[in-house]
Amino acid sequence: MKMVIAIVQDKDSAKLMERLVAGGHRATKLASTGGFLREGNTTFLIGCADEEVDDVIGAIREVCHSREQLVTPLTPAGGPGDSYVPYPVEVTVGGATIFVLHVERFDKV
């Protein structure tokens, strides 16, 4: 048995959950926050049989896409904030970060 942990952008979470359920996969959805942009993410915990891992990852790849987003950098720490004029920069966000872990034991009570 495997545990697939997928961290996805909030914009993709509802559609991914629909796709997983339609494929017969159970998932637990947790709210999480990213460290880079400090924006909301969703972390999915998906327990599945070894032979279902490729299908789960395929669903994630199908739904979660990267996109360009304009962000305004934070004011530098310790510097004079009144002379700093932040200009928006374009960064790539989204997609998914996926971990696949071996599960030694699974109990459902």
C-alpha atoms as a PDB file:
ATOM      1  CA  MET A   1       0.000   0.000   0.000  1.00  0.00           C
ATOM      2  CA  LYS A   2       1.142   3.551  -0.715  1.00  0.00           C
ATOM      3  CA  MET A   3       0.380   7.035   0.612  1.00  0.00           C
ATOM      4  CA  VAL A   4       0.427   9.733  -2.048  1.00  0.00           C
ATOM      5  CA  ILE A   5       0.839  13.220  -0.609  1.00  0.00           C
ATOM      6  CA  ALA A   6       0.087  15.946  -3.130  1.00  0.00           C
ATOM      7  CA  ILE A   7       0.440  19.665  -2.415  1.00  0.00           C
ATOM      8  CA  VAL A   8      -1.553  21.657  -4.957  1.00  0.00           C
ATOM      9  CA  GLN A   9      -2.695  25.229  -5.442  1.00  0.00           C
ATOM     10  CA  ASP A  10      -6.111  26.028  -3.933  1.00  0.00           C
ATOM     11  CA  LYS A  11      -7.457  26.886  -7.402  1.00  0.00           C
ATOM     12  CA  ASP A  12      -7.008  23.258  -8.466  1.00  0.00           C
ATOM     13  CA  SER A  13      -8.224  21.506  -5.313  1.00  0.00           C
ATOM     14  CA  ALA A  14     -11.970  21.194  -6.015  1.00  0.00           C
ATOM     15  CA  LYS A  15     -11.437  19.851  -9.521  1.00  0.00           C
ATOM     16  CA  LEU A  16      -8.778  17.413  -8.308  1.00  0.00           C
ATOM     17  CA  MET A  17     -11.067  16.066  -5.576  1.00  0.00           C
ATOM     18  CA  GLU A  18     -13.827  15.520  -8.159  1.00  0.00           C
ATOM     19  CA  ARG A  19     -11.388  13.679 -10.444  1.00  0.00           C
ATOM     20  CA  LEU A  20     -10.074  11.484  -7.623  1.00  0.00           C
ATOM     21  CA  VAL A  21     -13.581  10.531  -6.443  1.00  0.00           C
ATOM     22  CA  ALA A  22     -14.657   9.811 -10.031  1.00  0.00           C
ATOM     23  CA  GLY A  23     -11.665   7.476 -10.318  1.00  0.00           C
ATOM     24  CA  GLY A  24     -12.679   5.626  -7.147  1.00  0.00           C
ATOM     25  CA  HIS A  25      -9.912   7.048  -4.961  1.00  0.00           C
ATOM     26  CA  ARG A  26     -10.418   8.252  -1.403  1.00  0.00           C
ATOM     27  CA  ALA A  27      -8.593  11.357  -0.295  1.00  0.00           C
ATOM     28  CA  THR A  28      -8.282  13.540   2.771  1.00  0.00           C
ATOM     29  CA  LYS A  29      -7.981  17.231   2.029  1.00  0.00           C
ATOM     30  CA  LEU A  30      -6.002  19.526   4.361  1.00  0.00           C
ATOM     31  CA  ALA A  31      -5.574  23.298   4.202  1.00  0.00           C
ATOM     32  CA  SER A  32      -1.916  24.320   4.072  1.00  0.00           C
ATOM     33  CA  THR A  33       0.144  27.428   3.375  1.00  0.00           C
ATOM     34  CA  GLY A  34       3.104  27.759   1.046  1.00  0.00           C
ATOM     35  CA  GLY A  35       6.334  29.295   2.261  1.00  0.00           C
ATOM     36  CA  PHE A  36       7.361  31.108  -0.923  1.00  0.00           C
ATOM     37  CA  LEU A  37       4.310  33.274  -1.659  1.00  0.00           C
ATOM     38  CA  ARG A  38       2.581  32.622   1.679  1.00  0.00           C
ATOM     39  CA  GLU A  39      -0.604  31.719  -0.167  1.00  0.00           C
ATOM     40  CA  GLY A  40      -3.070  28.966   0.535  1.00  0.00           C
ATOM     41  CA  ASN A  41      -2.426  25.483  -0.759  1.00  0.00           C
ATOM     42  CA  THR A  42      -4.268  22.224  -0.357  1.00  0.00           C
ATOM     43  CA  THR A  43      -2.526  19.038   0.737  1.00  0.00           C
ATOM     44  CA  PHE A  44      -4.159  15.769  -0.303  1.00  0.00           C
ATOM     45  CA  LEU A  45      -3.480  12.503   1.540  1.00  0.00           C
ATOM     46  CA  ILE A  46      -4.400   9.626  -0.765  1.00  0.00           C
ATOM     47  CA  GLY A  47      -4.063   6.030   0.367  1.00  0.00           C
ATOM     48  CA  CYS A  48      -4.019   3.537  -2.501  1.00  0.00           C
ATOM     49  CA  ALA A  49      -2.830   0.125  -3.614  1.00  0.00           C
ATOM     50  CA  ASP A  50       0.592  -0.050  -5.274  1.00  0.00           C
ATOM     51  CA  GLU A  51      -0.945  -0.588  -8.715  1.00  0.00           C
ATOM     52  CA  GLU A  52      -3.155   2.538  -8.380  1.00  0.00           C
ATOM     53  CA  VAL A  53      -0.281   5.003  -7.845  1.00  0.00           C
ATOM     54  CA  ASP A  54       0.154   5.750 -11.567  1.00  0.00           C
ATOM     55  CA  ASP A  55      -3.579   6.455 -11.931  1.00  0.00           C
ATOM     56  CA  VAL A  56      -3.545   8.831  -8.940  1.00  0.00           C
ATOM     57  CA  ILE A  57      -0.481  10.677 -10.232  1.00  0.00           C
ATOM     58  CA  GLY A  58      -2.074  10.812 -13.700  1.00  0.00           C
ATOM     59  CA  ALA A  59      -5.163  12.483 -12.214  1.00  0.00           C
ATOM     60  CA  ILE A  60      -2.983  15.040 -10.447  1.00  0.00           C
ATOM     61  CA  ARG A  61      -1.044  15.778 -13.661  1.00  0.00           C
ATOM     62  CA  GLU A  62      -4.299  16.095 -15.597  1.00  0.00           C
ATOM     63  CA  VAL A  63      -5.827  18.669 -13.238  1.00  0.00           C
ATOM     64  CA  CYS A  64      -2.957  20.644 -11.689  1.00  0.00           C
ATOM     65  CA  HIS A  65      -1.167  22.966 -14.079  1.00  0.00           C
ATOM     66  CA  SER A  66       1.399  25.668 -13.500  1.00  0.00           C
ATOM     67  CA  ARG A  67       0.484  29.256 -14.390  1.00  0.00           C
ATOM     68  CA  GLU A  68       2.087  32.682 -14.395  1.00  0.00           C
ATOM     69  CA  GLN A  69       1.125  35.134 -11.637  1.00  0.00           C
ATOM     70  CA  LEU A  70       2.165  38.708 -10.842  1.00  0.00           C
ATOM     71  CA  VAL A  71       3.386  39.213  -7.284  1.00  0.00           C
ATOM     72  CA  THR A  72       4.680  42.265  -5.458  1.00  0.00           C
ATOM     73  CA  PRO A  73       7.855  41.587  -3.469  1.00  0.00           C
ATOM     74  CA  LEU A  74       7.863  42.349   0.253  1.00  0.00           C
ATOM     75  CA  THR A  75       9.735  45.387   1.607  1.00  0.00           C
ATOM     76  CA  PRO A  76      13.313  44.381   2.472  1.00  0.00           C
ATOM     77  CA  ALA A  77      13.812  43.794   6.203  1.00  0.00           C
ATOM     78  CA  GLY A  78      15.929  46.406   7.949  1.00  0.00           C
ATOM     79  CA  GLY A  79      15.914  48.794   4.999  1.00  0.00           C
ATOM     80  CA  PRO A  80      14.171  52.139   4.643  1.00  0.00           C
ATOM     81  CA  GLY A  81      10.629  51.309   3.583  1.00  0.00           C
ATOM     82  CA  ASP A  82       9.765  54.806   2.407  1.00  0.00           C
ATOM     83  CA  SER A  83      12.241  54.785  -0.507  1.00  0.00           C
ATOM     84  CA  TYR A  84      11.491  51.220  -1.640  1.00  0.00           C
ATOM     85  CA  VAL A  85       9.032  51.003  -4.543  1.00  0.00           C
ATOM     86  CA  PRO A  86       8.109  47.394  -5.191  1.00  0.00           C
ATOM     87  CA  TYR A  87       7.459  46.456  -8.804  1.00  0.00           C
ATOM     88  CA  PRO A  88       5.346  43.411  -9.575  1.00  0.00           C
ATOM     89  CA  VAL A  89       7.288  40.443 -10.933  1.00  0.00           C
ATOM     90  CA  GLU A  90       5.927  37.452 -12.807  1.00  0.00           C
ATOM     91  CA  VAL A  91       6.501  34.037 -11.235  1.00  0.00           C
ATOM     92  CA  THR A  92       5.380  30.527 -12.124  1.00  0.00           C
ATOM     93  CA  VAL A  93       2.986  29.027  -9.558  1.00  0.00           C
ATOM     94  CA  GLY A  94       0.794  25.976  -9.389  1.00  0.00           C
ATOM     95  CA  GLY A  95       1.376  22.462 -10.553  1.00  0.00           C
ATOM     96  CA  ALA A  96       1.824  19.946  -7.772  1.00  0.00           C
ATOM     97  CA  THR A  97       4.451  18.599  -5.430  1.00  0.00           C
ATOM     98  CA  ILE A  98       3.955  14.860  -5.023  1.00  0.00           C
ATOM     99  CA  PHE A  99       5.419  12.432  -2.491  1.00  0.00           C
ATOM    100  CA  VAL A 100       4.818   8.670  -2.611  1.00  0.00           C
ATOM    101  CA  LEU A 101       5.445   6.814   0.645  1.00  0.00           C
ATOM    102  CA  HIS A 102       5.294   3.133   1.509  1.00  0.00           C
ATOM    103  CA  VAL A 103       2.643   2.348   4.135  1.00  0.00           C
ATOM    104  CA  GLU A 104       3.565  -0.497   6.453  1.00  0.00           C
ATOM    105  CA  ARG A 105       0.117  -0.825   7.978  1.00  0.00           C
ATOM    106  CA  PHE A 106      -3.350   0.646   7.443  1.00  0.00           C
ATOM    107  CA  ASP A 107      -6.291   0.268   9.824  1.00  0.00           C
ATOM    108  CA  LYS A 108      -9.739   1.731   9.359  1.00  0.00           C
ATOM    109  CA  VAL A 109     -11.872   1.782  12.531  1.00  0.00           C
END
